[in-house]
Amino acid sequence: MLAPRKKLWSTPVPVIDAASRFLGLTIEDVLYDVGCGDGRVLVHLASTTPCRRFVGIEIDRDRAREAERAVVVARERGDIPPSASVEVRCQNALEADYSDATAAFLYLVPRGLRLIKPVLLAGGGGRPGRVGGSGSPSLRVVTYMAGFSDEECVARERCEVGHQEGAEWPVYLYHLGGSDR
């Protein structure tokens, strides 16, 4: 299990805003939200950044449908531009293809981070990807709450969240693999 399942927590907007600042998404980026839940990260970033390709991975079919509905509603409201592609895949994140990813958002438990890291670096599903290859750029990864225990973060910020008065939770930026580390 990559994320806790007893209580499903949605990512607060201040955390998504910090992730957006850290990632600096451009029109050329492809962002993956691993464990996309209700889709709020996908919708918010598709609505507020120049990035035009987003992929959400969610193992729970009901949550994946919830994310898909959120994307449809945001499109109907005109929040997501027609040029943006937002796809939600109901699948096991450890079997996904990340070979086109340039950025990722991870709200996972520490064990989940340990399990997903080699999959991201391999490009997913054991297929060689752009991450970690000779001359390839690093994958920009934002994690929330937990960080990679074996990586040095590039940036860290503590975010206040509205649902827990006085609480501040960490958001981390990492550059994984690639020749630009």
Protein backbone atom coordinates (compact mmCIF):
# COMPACT_ATOMS: atom_id res chain seq x y z
CA MET A 1 0.00 0.00 0.00
CA LEU A 2 1.36 3.39 -1.00
CA ALA A 3 -1.07 5.56 0.93
CA PRO A 4 -3.19 5.03 4.03
CA ARG A 5 -6.70 3.81 3.20
CA LYS A 6 -8.54 4.02 6.52
CA LYS A 7 -8.99 7.76 6.23
CA LEU A 8 -8.72 9.41 2.83
CA TRP A 9 -7.17 12.86 3.10
CA SER A 10 -7.44 15.34 0.26
CA THR A 11 -4.55 17.69 -0.44
CA PRO A 12 -5.19 21.22 0.90
CA VAL A 13 -5.00 24.12 -1.58
CA PRO A 14 -2.01 25.80 0.19
CA VAL A 15 -0.05 22.58 -0.39
CA ILE A 16 -1.04 22.50 -4.07
CA ASP A 17 0.04 26.14 -4.40
CA ALA A 18 3.42 25.31 -2.82
CA ALA A 19 3.79 22.35 -5.20
CA SER A 20 3.01 24.64 -8.12
CA ARG A 21 5.69 27.13 -7.06
CA PHE A 22 8.25 24.36 -6.54
CA LEU A 23 7.57 22.61 -9.85
CA GLY A 24 7.39 25.73 -12.03
CA LEU A 25 5.35 23.82 -14.60
CA THR A 26 5.65 24.86 -18.24
CA ILE A 27 3.74 24.03 -21.39
CA GLU A 28 6.26 21.25 -22.15
CA ASP A 29 5.75 19.43 -18.84
CA VAL A 30 3.80 16.26 -18.15
CA LEU A 31 2.69 16.05 -14.53
CA TYR A 32 1.69 12.80 -12.82
CA ASP A 33 -0.32 12.84 -9.61
CA VAL A 34 0.26 9.43 -8.03
CA GLY A 35 -2.71 8.53 -5.85
CA CYS A 36 -4.75 11.40 -7.30
CA GLY A 37 -7.75 10.75 -5.03
CA ASP A 38 -10.52 13.25 -5.73
CA GLY A 39 -8.52 14.98 -8.48
CA ARG A 40 -8.10 18.32 -6.78
CA VAL A 41 -4.35 18.55 -7.54
CA LEU A 42 -4.97 17.79 -11.23
CA VAL A 43 -7.84 20.29 -11.50
CA HIS A 44 -6.05 23.05 -9.60
CA LEU A 45 -2.79 22.76 -11.55
CA ALA A 46 -4.59 22.37 -14.92
CA SER A 47 -6.52 25.56 -14.06
CA THR A 48 -3.60 27.66 -12.83
CA THR A 49 -0.43 26.65 -14.69
CA PRO A 50 0.71 26.65 -18.33
CA CYS A 51 1.22 22.88 -18.20
CA ARG A 52 -1.08 21.14 -20.67
CA ARG A 53 -0.73 17.43 -19.88
CA PHE A 54 -1.77 15.85 -16.60
CA VAL A 55 -2.15 12.20 -15.61
CA GLY A 56 -3.71 11.04 -12.37
CA ILE A 57 -3.09 7.52 -11.13
CA GLU A 58 -5.60 6.12 -8.62
CA ILE A 59 -6.04 2.48 -7.59
CA ASP A 60 -9.47 2.93 -5.99
CA ARG A 61 -12.17 2.85 -8.70
CA ASP A 62 -14.60 5.07 -6.75
CA ARG A 63 -11.93 7.71 -6.10
CA ALA A 64 -10.84 7.56 -9.77
CA ARG A 65 -14.46 8.20 -10.83
CA GLU A 66 -14.61 11.08 -8.34
CA ALA A 67 -11.48 12.59 -9.92
CA GLU A 68 -12.91 12.13 -13.42
CA ARG A 69 -16.13 13.90 -12.35
CA ALA A 70 -14.11 16.75 -10.85
CA VAL A 71 -12.28 17.19 -14.15
CA VAL A 72 -15.57 17.20 -16.12
CA VAL A 73 -17.11 19.78 -13.77
CA ALA A 74 -14.01 22.00 -13.96
CA ARG A 75 -14.09 21.81 -17.76
CA GLU A 76 -17.81 22.69 -17.82
CA ARG A 77 -17.09 25.71 -15.58
CA GLY A 78 -14.34 26.77 -17.95
CA ASP A 79 -11.63 26.40 -15.29
CA ILE A 80 -9.56 23.96 -17.34
CA PRO A 81 -8.60 25.29 -20.78
CA PRO A 82 -9.61 23.18 -23.81
CA SER A 83 -5.93 22.76 -24.69
CA ALA A 84 -5.22 20.89 -21.44
CA SER A 85 -5.29 17.09 -21.39
CA VAL A 86 -6.27 15.68 -17.99
CA GLU A 87 -6.44 11.90 -17.81
CA VAL A 88 -7.30 9.77 -14.78
CA ARG A 89 -6.11 6.16 -14.89
CA CYS A 90 -7.54 3.61 -12.48
CA GLN A 91 -4.52 1.39 -11.95
CA ASN A 92 -1.82 0.30 -9.56
CA ALA A 93 0.77 3.08 -9.44
CA LEU A 94 3.56 0.50 -9.22
CA GLU A 95 2.58 -0.81 -12.66
CA ALA A 96 2.08 2.56 -14.40
CA ASP A 97 4.16 3.90 -17.26
CA TYR A 98 5.90 7.14 -16.23
CA SER A 99 8.24 7.33 -19.21
CA ASP A 100 6.84 10.69 -20.35
CA ALA A 101 6.73 12.28 -16.88
CA THR A 102 8.68 15.46 -16.24
CA ALA A 103 7.07 16.23 -12.87
CA ALA A 104 5.18 14.31 -10.21
CA PHE A 105 3.13 15.00 -7.10
CA LEU A 106 3.17 12.37 -4.34
CA TYR A 107 1.04 12.37 -1.18
CA LEU A 108 2.17 8.95 0.03
CA VAL A 109 3.27 7.28 3.24
CA PRO A 110 7.06 6.71 3.67
CA ARG A 111 6.74 3.07 2.57
CA GLY A 112 4.87 4.23 -0.53
CA LEU A 113 7.66 6.68 -1.36
CA ARG A 114 10.25 3.89 -1.04
CA LEU A 115 8.22 1.64 -3.36
CA ILE A 116 7.36 4.23 -6.02
CA LYS A 117 10.80 5.84 -6.35
CA PRO A 118 12.49 3.04 -8.37
CA VAL A 119 9.37 2.74 -10.55
CA LEU A 120 9.50 6.47 -11.33
CA LEU A 121 13.22 6.31 -12.04
CA ALA A 122 12.76 3.33 -14.37
CA GLY A 123 10.01 5.13 -16.27
CA GLY A 124 7.43 2.72 -14.93
CA GLY A 125 6.57 -0.90 -15.40
CA GLY A 126 10.25 -1.79 -15.73
CA ARG A 127 10.48 0.07 -19.05
CA PRO A 128 13.39 2.46 -19.51
CA GLY A 129 12.18 6.03 -19.39
CA ARG A 130 13.57 9.49 -19.74
CA VAL A 131 14.36 9.71 -16.02
CA GLY A 132 17.86 8.76 -15.00
CA GLY A 133 19.11 8.12 -18.51
CA SER A 134 22.29 9.62 -19.85
CA GLY A 135 21.72 13.23 -20.83
CA SER A 136 18.12 13.22 -19.61
CA PRO A 137 16.72 15.83 -17.26
CA SER A 138 15.82 14.93 -13.70
CA LEU A 139 12.24 14.26 -12.68
CA ARG A 140 10.93 17.07 -10.49
CA VAL A 141 8.97 15.51 -7.63
CA VAL A 142 6.98 17.19 -4.89
CA THR A 143 6.04 15.15 -1.84
CA TYR A 144 3.65 16.19 0.90
CA MET A 145 3.88 15.18 4.56
CA ALA A 146 6.70 12.65 4.07
CA GLY A 147 9.96 12.96 2.16
CA PHE A 148 12.35 10.51 0.57
CA SER A 149 14.61 9.23 3.34
CA ASP A 150 17.55 8.64 0.97
CA GLU A 151 17.41 11.88 -1.04
CA GLU A 152 18.38 15.45 -0.30
CA CYS A 153 15.47 17.78 -0.98
CA VAL A 154 16.03 20.81 -3.22
CA ALA A 155 13.46 22.90 -1.35
CA ARG A 156 11.17 22.56 1.65
CA GLU A 157 8.26 24.63 2.85
CA ARG A 158 5.84 24.27 5.74
CA CYS A 159 2.20 24.92 4.84
CA GLU A 160 -0.62 25.86 7.16
CA VAL A 161 -3.76 23.88 6.46
CA GLY A 162 -7.24 25.18 7.24
CA HIS A 163 -8.66 21.94 8.60
CA GLN A 164 -6.12 21.76 11.44
CA GLU A 165 -5.74 25.04 13.27
CA GLY A 166 -2.11 25.83 14.06
CA ALA A 167 -0.78 22.86 12.10
CA GLU A 168 1.94 23.24 9.50
CA TRP A 169 2.90 20.32 7.26
CA PRO A 170 6.01 19.93 5.10
CA VAL A 171 6.12 20.03 1.31
CA TYR A 172 9.38 18.88 -0.33
CA LEU A 173 10.87 19.27 -3.80
CA TYR A 174 13.28 16.65 -5.15
CA HIS A 175 15.12 16.22 -8.43
CA LEU A 176 15.39 12.49 -9.10
CA GLY A 177 17.73 10.91 -11.63
CA GLY A 178 18.91 12.70 -14.74
CA SER A 179 22.09 14.49 -15.60
CA ASP A 180 20.99 17.90 -14.27
CA ARG A 181 21.00 16.94 -10.58
